[in-house]
Amino acid sequence: MLFNQRILEGIAHGDVTLAFRRWKRQQIRPGTRLRTALGEVRIGEVRQVEETAVSEDDARQAGFDSLAGLWRDLREGEDRRLFRIAIDGLAQDTRVALREDAVLGAEETSALTKKLARWDKANGSDGYHRRVLQSIAGKPATPAVELAKLLDVEKLKLKRDIRKLKEIGLTESLKVGYRLSPRGRTFLTMSESAR
């Protein structure tokens, strides 16, 4: 579920508290948090509604000037049903706090090391994720295409693998390339000293 910048800013200011989507089946559950450029959108109640139940006020709460504007924005399709989605606000992306947490104990370092080893095993390349971290540490802000050449992997695969490292708080994206987060730097230092 995507939101354009205008709607995201409305959510951030508390002006947008509803969304409407036409789906073949419900695509999102209450309690979900959607990552966006401005933080995580918290999803409240999600329910199917009839079009006649949507008011002008609902359209304004969804960030539109009128009901007609809302209808123009929605995807058409005979087999699609209308869903009303309550938006419970915007929260900080949980990965931000995680990547800033640079205090790692031996147990947490060990758990992260085991996770990377599992990923390496599934990847069929021992030490691969550590090499990715080392490459980013040695060449921050390097475009993915150059890092991929350095590591001798496909660019799309590398980007997917860096996203996994980002999910556990070890890397962060820049306008161009990546860098290790404070947590990533600590992990790399601690895990290498433990080898």
N, C-alpha and C. Protein backbone atom coordinates (compact mmCIF):
# COMPACT_ATOMS: atom_id res chain seq x y z
N MET A 1 0.85 -1.17 0.00
CA MET A 1 0.00 0.00 0.00
C MET A 1 0.89 1.23 0.00
N LEU A 2 0.80 2.04 -1.02
CA LEU A 2 1.66 3.20 -1.18
C LEU A 2 0.88 4.49 -0.92
N PHE A 3 1.61 5.51 -0.44
CA PHE A 3 1.04 6.84 -0.24
C PHE A 3 1.93 7.83 -0.96
N ASN A 4 1.33 8.80 -1.66
CA ASN A 4 2.17 9.83 -2.28
C ASN A 4 2.65 10.82 -1.22
N GLN A 5 3.58 11.66 -1.59
CA GLN A 5 4.21 12.58 -0.63
C GLN A 5 3.19 13.51 0.02
N ARG A 6 2.24 14.01 -0.75
CA ARG A 6 1.23 14.92 -0.20
C ARG A 6 0.42 14.24 0.90
N ILE A 7 0.00 13.00 0.64
CA ILE A 7 -0.78 12.26 1.62
C ILE A 7 0.08 11.93 2.84
N LEU A 8 1.33 11.55 2.61
CA LEU A 8 2.24 11.25 3.73
C LEU A 8 2.40 12.46 4.64
N GLU A 9 2.57 13.62 4.03
CA GLU A 9 2.71 14.84 4.84
C GLU A 9 1.43 15.12 5.61
N GLY A 10 0.28 14.84 5.00
CA GLY A 10 -0.99 14.98 5.70
C GLY A 10 -1.10 14.03 6.88
N ILE A 11 -0.61 12.81 6.71
CA ILE A 11 -0.59 11.84 7.82
C ILE A 11 0.31 12.34 8.93
N ALA A 12 1.49 12.84 8.54
CA ALA A 12 2.46 13.34 9.53
C ALA A 12 1.89 14.50 10.34
N HIS A 13 1.07 15.36 9.70
CA HIS A 13 0.48 16.51 10.39
C HIS A 13 -0.83 16.16 11.11
N GLY A 14 -1.30 14.93 10.92
CA GLY A 14 -2.54 14.50 11.57
C GLY A 14 -3.80 14.89 10.82
N ASP A 15 -3.64 15.43 9.60
CA ASP A 15 -4.80 15.84 8.80
C ASP A 15 -5.43 14.67 8.05
N VAL A 16 -4.63 13.69 7.68
CA VAL A 16 -5.11 12.52 6.95
C VAL A 16 -5.21 11.35 7.92
N THR A 17 -6.44 10.87 8.12
CA THR A 17 -6.67 9.80 9.09
C THR A 17 -7.39 8.60 8.47
N LEU A 18 -7.67 8.69 7.18
CA LEU A 18 -8.33 7.59 6.47
C LEU A 18 -7.66 7.37 5.12
N ALA A 19 -7.82 6.16 4.62
CA ALA A 19 -7.43 5.85 3.25
C ALA A 19 -8.49 4.92 2.68
N PHE A 20 -8.64 4.96 1.38
CA PHE A 20 -9.57 4.06 0.70
C PHE A 20 -8.82 3.38 -0.43
N ARG A 21 -9.06 2.09 -0.59
CA ARG A 21 -8.45 1.33 -1.68
C ARG A 21 -9.48 0.37 -2.24
N ARG A 22 -9.38 0.12 -3.56
CA ARG A 22 -10.18 -0.92 -4.19
C ARG A 22 -9.26 -2.11 -4.44
N TRP A 23 -9.60 -3.22 -3.80
CA TRP A 23 -8.80 -4.44 -3.91
C TRP A 23 -9.71 -5.61 -4.26
N LYS A 24 -9.11 -6.63 -4.84
CA LYS A 24 -9.85 -7.87 -5.08
C LYS A 24 -10.09 -8.59 -3.75
N ARG A 25 -9.13 -8.47 -2.86
CA ARG A 25 -9.27 -9.01 -1.50
C ARG A 25 -8.47 -8.10 -0.58
N GLN A 26 -8.76 -8.15 0.69
CA GLN A 26 -8.09 -7.27 1.66
C GLN A 26 -6.58 -7.49 1.61
N GLN A 27 -5.83 -6.41 1.47
CA GLN A 27 -4.39 -6.47 1.29
C GLN A 27 -3.59 -6.17 2.55
N ILE A 28 -4.25 -5.71 3.58
CA ILE A 28 -3.54 -5.25 4.77
C ILE A 28 -4.37 -5.55 6.01
N ARG A 29 -3.70 -5.81 7.12
CA ARG A 29 -4.40 -6.13 8.37
C ARG A 29 -4.27 -4.97 9.35
N PRO A 30 -5.25 -4.84 10.25
CA PRO A 30 -5.13 -3.85 11.33
C PRO A 30 -3.87 -4.14 12.15
N GLY A 31 -3.23 -3.08 12.60
CA GLY A 31 -2.02 -3.23 13.40
C GLY A 31 -0.74 -3.23 12.58
N THR A 32 -0.88 -3.30 11.27
CA THR A 32 0.29 -3.29 10.39
C THR A 32 0.96 -1.92 10.45
N ARG A 33 2.26 -1.91 10.28
CA ARG A 33 3.02 -0.66 10.15
C ARG A 33 3.67 -0.67 8.78
N LEU A 34 3.40 0.35 8.00
CA LEU A 34 3.95 0.46 6.65
C LEU A 34 5.12 1.42 6.64
N ARG A 35 6.25 0.97 6.18
CA ARG A 35 7.43 1.84 6.12
C ARG A 35 7.30 2.81 4.95
N THR A 36 7.57 4.08 5.24
CA THR A 36 7.55 5.11 4.21
C THR A 36 8.75 6.01 4.41
N ALA A 37 8.91 6.97 3.53
CA ALA A 37 10.03 7.91 3.62
C ALA A 37 9.95 8.77 4.88
N LEU A 38 8.76 8.95 5.43
CA LEU A 38 8.61 9.81 6.62
C LEU A 38 8.49 9.04 7.93
N GLY A 39 8.46 7.73 7.86
CA GLY A 39 8.31 6.91 9.07
C GLY A 39 7.34 5.77 8.79
N GLU A 40 6.85 5.15 9.84
CA GLU A 40 5.95 4.02 9.70
C GLU A 40 4.50 4.46 9.90
N VAL A 41 3.67 4.25 8.87
CA VAL A 41 2.25 4.55 8.97
C VAL A 41 1.59 3.41 9.74
N ARG A 42 0.90 3.77 10.83
CA ARG A 42 0.22 2.77 11.66
C ARG A 42 -1.20 2.57 11.14
N ILE A 43 -1.55 1.34 10.83
CA ILE A 43 -2.87 1.01 10.28
C ILE A 43 -3.80 0.56 11.40
N GLY A 44 -4.99 1.16 11.43
CA GLY A 44 -6.02 0.79 12.40
C GLY A 44 -7.03 -0.15 11.74
N GLU A 45 -8.29 0.12 11.97
CA GLU A 45 -9.36 -0.74 11.44
C GLU A 45 -9.36 -0.76 9.91
N VAL A 46 -9.56 -1.94 9.36
CA VAL A 46 -9.69 -2.12 7.91
C VAL A 46 -10.99 -2.87 7.68
N ARG A 47 -11.89 -2.27 6.86
CA ARG A 47 -13.15 -2.96 6.60
C ARG A 47 -13.66 -2.63 5.22
N GLN A 48 -14.39 -3.58 4.67
CA GLN A 48 -15.01 -3.37 3.38
C GLN A 48 -16.24 -2.49 3.57
N VAL A 49 -16.44 -1.54 2.65
CA VAL A 49 -17.59 -0.64 2.73
C VAL A 49 -18.23 -0.50 1.35
N GLU A 50 -19.47 -0.07 1.36
CA GLU A 50 -20.15 0.27 0.11
C GLU A 50 -19.79 1.71 -0.26
N GLU A 51 -19.74 2.00 -1.54
CA GLU A 51 -19.40 3.36 -1.97
C GLU A 51 -20.38 4.38 -1.43
N THR A 52 -21.64 3.99 -1.30
CA THR A 52 -22.66 4.92 -0.81
C THR A 52 -22.44 5.30 0.66
N ALA A 53 -21.60 4.53 1.37
CA ALA A 53 -21.33 4.81 2.79
C ALA A 53 -20.20 5.82 2.97
N VAL A 54 -19.54 6.21 1.88
CA VAL A 54 -18.40 7.14 1.96
C VAL A 54 -18.92 8.57 1.79
N SER A 55 -18.56 9.42 2.73
CA SER A 55 -19.06 10.80 2.72
C SER A 55 -18.00 11.79 2.25
N GLU A 56 -18.43 13.03 2.02
CA GLU A 56 -17.50 14.11 1.68
C GLU A 56 -16.47 14.28 2.80
N ASP A 57 -16.93 14.16 4.05
CA ASP A 57 -16.01 14.28 5.20
C ASP A 57 -14.97 13.16 5.17
N ASP A 58 -15.38 11.94 4.83
CA ASP A 58 -14.44 10.82 4.70
C ASP A 58 -13.37 11.15 3.65
N ALA A 59 -13.82 11.72 2.53
CA ALA A 59 -12.88 12.09 1.46
C ALA A 59 -11.86 13.11 1.97
N ARG A 60 -12.31 14.10 2.73
CA ARG A 60 -11.39 15.10 3.30
C ARG A 60 -10.41 14.45 4.28
N GLN A 61 -10.92 13.52 5.09
CA GLN A 61 -10.04 12.82 6.04
C GLN A 61 -9.02 11.94 5.31
N ALA A 62 -9.33 11.59 4.05
CA ALA A 62 -8.39 10.81 3.23
C ALA A 62 -7.45 11.70 2.43
N GLY A 63 -7.59 13.04 2.60
CA GLY A 63 -6.67 13.97 1.95
C GLY A 63 -7.14 14.53 0.63
N PHE A 64 -8.44 14.43 0.34
CA PHE A 64 -8.99 14.92 -0.92
C PHE A 64 -9.92 16.09 -0.67
N ASP A 65 -10.02 16.99 -1.65
CA ASP A 65 -10.90 18.15 -1.53
C ASP A 65 -12.37 17.77 -1.64
N SER A 66 -12.62 16.65 -2.33
CA SER A 66 -14.02 16.25 -2.55
C SER A 66 -14.11 14.75 -2.74
N LEU A 67 -15.32 14.26 -2.67
CA LEU A 67 -15.59 12.85 -2.93
C LEU A 67 -15.22 12.50 -4.38
N ALA A 68 -15.50 13.41 -5.29
CA ALA A 68 -15.16 13.18 -6.70
C ALA A 68 -13.65 13.00 -6.87
N GLY A 69 -12.88 13.79 -6.13
CA GLY A 69 -11.42 13.66 -6.18
C GLY A 69 -10.95 12.30 -5.69
N LEU A 70 -11.58 11.82 -4.63
CA LEU A 70 -11.26 10.49 -4.11
C LEU A 70 -11.58 9.42 -5.16
N TRP A 71 -12.77 9.48 -5.76
CA TRP A 71 -13.15 8.46 -6.75
C TRP A 71 -12.19 8.45 -7.93
N ARG A 72 -11.75 9.65 -8.37
CA ARG A 72 -10.80 9.71 -9.50
C ARG A 72 -9.48 9.02 -9.16
N ASP A 73 -9.11 9.04 -7.90
CA ASP A 73 -7.83 8.48 -7.48
C ASP A 73 -7.85 6.96 -7.32
N LEU A 74 -9.02 6.38 -7.17
CA LEU A 74 -9.11 4.94 -6.89
C LEU A 74 -9.06 4.10 -8.15
N ARG A 75 -8.45 2.95 -8.03
CA ARG A 75 -8.34 1.99 -9.12
C ARG A 75 -9.71 1.42 -9.45
N GLU A 76 -9.99 1.27 -10.74
CA GLU A 76 -11.26 0.73 -11.19
C GLU A 76 -11.15 -0.78 -11.37
N GLY A 77 -12.29 -1.43 -11.48
CA GLY A 77 -12.31 -2.86 -11.76
C GLY A 77 -13.56 -3.50 -11.21
N GLU A 78 -14.24 -4.28 -12.03
CA GLU A 78 -15.48 -4.93 -11.62
C GLU A 78 -15.30 -5.85 -10.43
N ASP A 79 -14.17 -6.53 -10.41
CA ASP A 79 -13.95 -7.52 -9.36
C ASP A 79 -13.28 -6.93 -8.11
N ARG A 80 -13.23 -5.62 -8.03
CA ARG A 80 -12.60 -4.96 -6.88
C ARG A 80 -13.66 -4.47 -5.90
N ARG A 81 -13.32 -4.57 -4.61
CA ARG A 81 -14.21 -4.10 -3.55
C ARG A 81 -13.55 -2.91 -2.86
N LEU A 82 -14.36 -2.05 -2.29
CA LEU A 82 -13.85 -0.85 -1.63
C LEU A 82 -13.56 -1.14 -0.16
N PHE A 83 -12.36 -0.73 0.29
CA PHE A 83 -11.96 -0.89 1.68
C PHE A 83 -11.67 0.47 2.30
N ARG A 84 -12.13 0.63 3.53
CA ARG A 84 -11.89 1.84 4.33
C ARG A 84 -10.80 1.48 5.34
N ILE A 85 -9.72 2.26 5.35
CA ILE A 85 -8.56 1.97 6.19
C ILE A 85 -8.34 3.14 7.14
N ALA A 86 -8.42 2.87 8.43
CA ALA A 86 -8.14 3.91 9.43
C ALA A 86 -6.63 4.03 9.59
N ILE A 87 -6.16 5.26 9.63
CA ILE A 87 -4.74 5.52 9.82
C ILE A 87 -4.55 6.09 11.22
N ASP A 88 -3.76 5.37 12.01
CA ASP A 88 -3.56 5.76 13.41
C ASP A 88 -2.33 6.64 13.62
N GLY A 89 -1.80 7.21 12.55
CA GLY A 89 -0.69 8.14 12.68
C GLY A 89 0.61 7.59 12.13
N LEU A 90 1.66 8.33 12.41
CA LEU A 90 2.99 8.03 11.90
C LEU A 90 3.92 7.83 13.07
N ALA A 91 4.72 6.78 13.02
CA ALA A 91 5.70 6.50 14.07
C ALA A 91 7.09 6.47 13.44
N GLN A 92 8.09 6.63 14.26
CA GLN A 92 9.46 6.56 13.75
C GLN A 92 9.72 5.15 13.23
N ASP A 93 10.43 5.05 12.13
CA ASP A 93 10.83 3.77 11.57
C ASP A 93 11.65 3.03 12.63
N THR A 94 11.23 1.83 12.99
CA THR A 94 11.90 1.08 14.06
C THR A 94 13.35 0.76 13.70
N ARG A 95 13.67 0.73 12.40
CA ARG A 95 15.05 0.45 12.01
C ARG A 95 15.98 1.60 12.39
N VAL A 96 15.45 2.83 12.48
CA VAL A 96 16.29 3.98 12.83
C VAL A 96 16.83 3.80 14.25
N ALA A 97 15.95 3.49 15.19
CA ALA A 97 16.39 3.28 16.57
C ALA A 97 17.33 2.08 16.65
N LEU A 98 17.04 1.03 15.92
CA LEU A 98 17.88 -0.17 15.95
C LEU A 98 19.28 0.14 15.44
N ARG A 99 19.40 0.84 14.32
CA ARG A 99 20.73 1.08 13.76
C ARG A 99 21.54 2.05 14.62
N GLU A 100 20.86 2.89 15.40
CA GLU A 100 21.59 3.81 16.28
C GLU A 100 22.05 3.14 17.58
N ASP A 101 21.50 1.96 17.87
CA ASP A 101 21.86 1.24 19.09
C ASP A 101 23.19 0.52 18.88
N ALA A 102 24.25 1.19 19.26
CA ALA A 102 25.60 0.66 19.03
C ALA A 102 26.14 -0.12 20.23
N VAL A 103 25.31 -0.33 21.24
CA VAL A 103 25.74 -1.09 22.41
C VAL A 103 25.34 -2.54 22.19
N LEU A 104 26.32 -3.36 21.85
CA LEU A 104 26.07 -4.78 21.60
C LEU A 104 26.84 -5.62 22.60
N GLY A 105 26.13 -6.51 23.27
CA GLY A 105 26.80 -7.45 24.15
C GLY A 105 27.25 -8.67 23.37
N ALA A 106 27.94 -9.55 24.04
CA ALA A 106 28.46 -10.77 23.40
C ALA A 106 27.31 -11.63 22.88
N GLU A 107 26.22 -11.71 23.63
CA GLU A 107 25.09 -12.55 23.23
C GLU A 107 24.44 -12.03 21.94
N GLU A 108 24.23 -10.72 21.88
CA GLU A 108 23.62 -10.13 20.69
C GLU A 108 24.55 -10.23 19.48
N THR A 109 25.84 -10.02 19.70
CA THR A 109 26.82 -10.16 18.62
C THR A 109 26.82 -11.59 18.09
N SER A 110 26.75 -12.55 19.00
CA SER A 110 26.72 -13.96 18.62
C SER A 110 25.46 -14.27 17.81
N ALA A 111 24.31 -13.73 18.24
CA ALA A 111 23.06 -13.97 17.53
C ALA A 111 23.12 -13.40 16.11
N LEU A 112 23.68 -12.20 15.97
CA LEU A 112 23.81 -11.59 14.64
C LEU A 112 24.78 -12.41 13.77
N THR A 113 25.87 -12.88 14.37
CA THR A 113 26.84 -13.69 13.64
C THR A 113 26.19 -14.97 13.12
N LYS A 114 25.37 -15.61 13.96
CA LYS A 114 24.67 -16.83 13.55
C LYS A 114 23.68 -16.54 12.43
N LYS A 115 22.99 -15.40 12.53
CA LYS A 115 22.03 -15.04 11.48
C LYS A 115 22.75 -14.87 10.14
N LEU A 116 23.89 -14.18 10.15
CA LEU A 116 24.64 -14.00 8.90
C LEU A 116 25.13 -15.34 8.37
N ALA A 117 25.54 -16.23 9.28
CA ALA A 117 26.00 -17.56 8.86
C ALA A 117 24.87 -18.35 8.20
N ARG A 118 23.63 -18.24 8.74
CA ARG A 118 22.48 -18.90 8.12
C ARG A 118 22.22 -18.34 6.72
N TRP A 119 22.28 -17.00 6.61
CA TRP A 119 22.09 -16.38 5.31
C TRP A 119 23.18 -16.82 4.33
N ASP A 120 24.42 -16.90 4.83
CA ASP A 120 25.53 -17.34 3.97
C ASP A 120 25.30 -18.76 3.48
N LYS A 121 24.84 -19.63 4.39
CA LYS A 121 24.60 -21.03 4.03
C LYS A 121 23.52 -21.11 2.95
N ALA A 122 22.43 -20.36 3.14
CA ALA A 122 21.35 -20.34 2.14
C ALA A 122 21.84 -19.77 0.82
N ASN A 123 22.80 -18.88 0.90
CA ASN A 123 23.38 -18.22 -0.27
C ASN A 123 24.44 -19.09 -0.94
N GLY A 124 24.94 -20.08 -0.20
CA GLY A 124 26.00 -20.94 -0.74
C GLY A 124 27.34 -20.27 -0.81
N SER A 125 27.57 -19.29 0.07
CA SER A 125 28.83 -18.54 0.03
C SER A 125 29.24 -18.15 1.44
N ASP A 126 30.13 -18.91 2.02
CA ASP A 126 30.59 -18.68 3.38
C ASP A 126 31.25 -17.30 3.52
N GLY A 127 30.80 -16.53 4.50
CA GLY A 127 31.40 -15.22 4.78
C GLY A 127 30.94 -14.09 3.86
N TYR A 128 29.97 -14.38 2.99
CA TYR A 128 29.53 -13.39 2.01
C TYR A 128 28.98 -12.11 2.66
N HIS A 129 28.07 -12.24 3.62
CA HIS A 129 27.46 -11.05 4.22
C HIS A 129 28.48 -10.21 4.99
N ARG A 130 29.46 -10.86 5.61
CA ARG A 130 30.54 -10.12 6.27
C ARG A 130 31.35 -9.33 5.23
N ARG A 131 31.60 -9.96 4.07
CA ARG A 131 32.32 -9.26 3.00
C ARG A 131 31.54 -8.05 2.51
N VAL A 132 30.20 -8.18 2.45
CA VAL A 132 29.36 -7.04 2.07
C VAL A 132 29.56 -5.91 3.08
N LEU A 133 29.47 -6.24 4.36
CA LEU A 133 29.67 -5.23 5.40
C LEU A 133 31.06 -4.60 5.32
N GLN A 134 32.07 -5.43 5.12
CA GLN A 134 33.44 -4.90 5.02
C GLN A 134 33.60 -3.99 3.81
N SER A 135 32.97 -4.35 2.70
CA SER A 135 33.05 -3.51 1.49
C SER A 135 32.39 -2.16 1.71
N ILE A 136 31.23 -2.18 2.37
CA ILE A 136 30.54 -0.92 2.66
C ILE A 136 31.36 -0.09 3.64
N ALA A 137 31.96 -0.74 4.64
CA ALA A 137 32.79 -0.02 5.61
C ALA A 137 33.99 0.62 4.92
N GLY A 138 34.59 -0.10 3.99
CA GLY A 138 35.78 0.39 3.30
C GLY A 138 35.49 1.43 2.23
N LYS A 139 34.27 1.40 1.69
CA LYS A 139 33.90 2.31 0.61
C LYS A 139 32.48 2.84 0.80
N PRO A 140 32.27 3.63 1.87
CA PRO A 140 30.92 4.17 2.05
C PRO A 140 30.54 5.09 0.89
N ALA A 141 29.25 5.19 0.64
CA ALA A 141 28.70 6.05 -0.42
C ALA A 141 29.11 5.59 -1.82
N THR A 142 29.44 4.32 -1.94
CA THR A 142 29.77 3.75 -3.26
C THR A 142 28.50 3.19 -3.89
N PRO A 143 28.23 3.52 -5.15
CA PRO A 143 27.02 3.00 -5.80
C PRO A 143 26.99 1.47 -5.79
N ALA A 144 25.79 0.92 -5.75
CA ALA A 144 25.61 -0.53 -5.69
C ALA A 144 26.27 -1.24 -6.86
N VAL A 145 26.24 -0.63 -8.04
CA VAL A 145 26.84 -1.26 -9.20
C VAL A 145 28.34 -1.48 -9.00
N GLU A 146 29.02 -0.53 -8.36
CA GLU A 146 30.46 -0.67 -8.10
C GLU A 146 30.73 -1.69 -7.01
N LEU A 147 29.91 -1.67 -5.95
CA LEU A 147 30.07 -2.67 -4.89
C LEU A 147 29.83 -4.08 -5.45
N ALA A 148 28.84 -4.20 -6.33
CA ALA A 148 28.54 -5.51 -6.92
C ALA A 148 29.73 -6.03 -7.72
N LYS A 149 30.39 -5.15 -8.47
CA LYS A 149 31.59 -5.56 -9.22
C LYS A 149 32.69 -5.99 -8.27
N LEU A 150 32.88 -5.22 -7.21
CA LEU A 150 33.89 -5.55 -6.20
C LEU A 150 33.66 -6.93 -5.60
N LEU A 151 32.40 -7.24 -5.32
CA LEU A 151 32.04 -8.50 -4.67
C LEU A 151 31.73 -9.62 -5.66
N ASP A 152 31.75 -9.29 -6.96
CA ASP A 152 31.48 -10.24 -8.02
C ASP A 152 30.10 -10.89 -7.87
N VAL A 153 29.08 -10.03 -7.68
CA VAL A 153 27.70 -10.50 -7.61
C VAL A 153 26.83 -9.59 -8.48
N GLU A 154 25.62 -10.04 -8.79
CA GLU A 154 24.69 -9.21 -9.55
C GLU A 154 24.23 -8.05 -8.67
N LYS A 155 24.05 -6.90 -9.30
CA LYS A 155 23.64 -5.70 -8.57
C LYS A 155 22.31 -5.91 -7.83
N LEU A 156 21.30 -6.49 -8.48
CA LEU A 156 20.00 -6.67 -7.84
C LEU A 156 20.09 -7.59 -6.63
N LYS A 157 20.91 -8.63 -6.73
CA LYS A 157 21.12 -9.54 -5.60
C LYS A 157 21.78 -8.79 -4.45
N LEU A 158 22.80 -8.01 -4.77
CA LEU A 158 23.49 -7.25 -3.72
C LEU A 158 22.54 -6.29 -3.03
N LYS A 159 21.72 -5.58 -3.79
CA LYS A 159 20.78 -4.63 -3.19
C LYS A 159 19.80 -5.35 -2.27
N ARG A 160 19.34 -6.53 -2.69
CA ARG A 160 18.44 -7.33 -1.85
C ARG A 160 19.14 -7.75 -0.56
N ASP A 161 20.41 -8.13 -0.66
CA ASP A 161 21.16 -8.57 0.52
C ASP A 161 21.45 -7.39 1.45
N ILE A 162 21.72 -6.23 0.90
CA ILE A 162 21.95 -5.05 1.73
C ILE A 162 20.66 -4.65 2.45
N ARG A 163 19.51 -4.81 1.78
CA ARG A 163 18.23 -4.55 2.46
C ARG A 163 18.05 -5.46 3.67
N LYS A 164 18.47 -6.72 3.55
CA LYS A 164 18.38 -7.64 4.70
C LYS A 164 19.26 -7.13 5.85
N LEU A 165 20.44 -6.65 5.51
CA LEU A 165 21.33 -6.11 6.55
C LEU A 165 20.75 -4.84 7.17
N LYS A 166 20.05 -4.07 6.35
CA LYS A 166 19.38 -2.86 6.84
C LYS A 166 18.26 -3.22 7.82
N GLU A 167 17.53 -4.31 7.52
CA GLU A 167 16.43 -4.74 8.39
C GLU A 167 16.91 -5.08 9.80
N ILE A 168 18.14 -5.55 9.93
CA ILE A 168 18.66 -5.89 11.26
C ILE A 168 19.54 -4.77 11.82
N GLY A 169 19.47 -3.60 11.18
CA GLY A 169 20.09 -2.41 11.72
C GLY A 169 21.57 -2.23 11.46
N LEU A 170 22.15 -2.97 10.52
CA LEU A 170 23.60 -2.90 10.31
C LEU A 170 24.03 -1.92 9.23
N THR A 171 23.14 -1.58 8.31
CA THR A 171 23.49 -0.64 7.25
C THR A 171 22.40 0.42 7.12
N GLU A 172 22.74 1.49 6.44
CA GLU A 172 21.74 2.51 6.10
C GLU A 172 22.02 3.02 4.70
N SER A 173 20.96 3.38 4.02
CA SER A 173 21.06 3.87 2.64
C SER A 173 21.37 5.35 2.64
N LEU A 174 22.18 5.75 1.68
CA LEU A 174 22.50 7.16 1.44
C LEU A 174 21.89 7.55 0.10
N LYS A 175 21.99 8.83 -0.26
CA LYS A 175 21.49 9.23 -1.59
C LYS A 175 22.17 8.42 -2.66
N VAL A 176 23.47 8.20 -2.49
CA VAL A 176 24.22 7.30 -3.37
C VAL A 176 24.94 6.31 -2.47
N GLY A 177 24.65 5.05 -2.65
CA GLY A 177 25.34 4.01 -1.91
C GLY A 177 24.83 3.81 -0.49
N TYR A 178 25.72 3.30 0.35
CA TYR A 178 25.36 2.88 1.71
C TYR A 178 26.50 3.21 2.67
N ARG A 179 26.20 3.06 3.93
CA ARG A 179 27.25 3.12 4.96
C ARG A 179 26.82 2.19 6.08
N LEU A 180 27.79 1.82 6.92
CA LEU A 180 27.44 1.05 8.09
C LEU A 180 26.80 1.98 9.10
N SER A 181 25.82 1.48 9.79
CA SER A 181 25.20 2.24 10.88
C SER A 181 26.13 2.15 12.09
N PRO A 182 25.90 2.95 13.14
CA PRO A 182 26.69 2.78 14.36
C PRO A 182 26.64 1.33 14.86
N ARG A 183 25.47 0.71 14.81
CA ARG A 183 25.33 -0.70 15.21
C ARG A 183 26.17 -1.60 14.30
N GLY A 184 26.15 -1.33 13.00
CA GLY A 184 26.93 -2.12 12.05
C GLY A 184 28.41 -2.01 12.29
N ARG A 185 28.89 -0.79 12.59
CA ARG A 185 30.32 -0.61 12.87
C ARG A 185 30.73 -1.38 14.12
N THR A 186 29.89 -1.28 15.17
CA THR A 186 30.19 -2.01 16.40
C THR A 186 30.18 -3.51 16.16
N PHE A 187 29.18 -3.98 15.44
CA PHE A 187 29.10 -5.42 15.17
C PHE A 187 30.32 -5.91 14.40
N LEU A 188 30.70 -5.18 13.37
CA LEU A 188 31.84 -5.60 12.56
C LEU A 188 33.11 -5.64 13.41
N THR A 189 33.33 -4.62 14.23
CA THR A 189 34.51 -4.58 15.10
C THR A 189 34.50 -5.74 16.10
N MET A 190 33.37 -5.95 16.77
CA MET A 190 33.28 -6.99 17.80
C MET A 190 33.38 -8.38 17.19
N SER A 191 32.73 -8.60 16.06
CA SER A 191 32.76 -9.93 15.47
C SER A 191 34.14 -10.26 14.89
N GLU A 192 34.84 -9.25 14.40
CA GLU A 192 36.17 -9.52 13.87
C GLU A 192 37.19 -9.75 14.97
N SER A 193 37.00 -9.08 16.11
CA SER A 193 37.92 -9.30 17.23
C SER A 193 37.68 -10.66 17.89
N ALA A 194 36.45 -11.21 17.69
CA ALA A 194 36.12 -12.51 18.27
C ALA A 194 36.59 -13.67 17.39
N ARG A 195 37.04 -13.37 16.17
CA ARG A 195 37.45 -14.44 15.24
C ARG A 195 38.82 -14.95 15.56
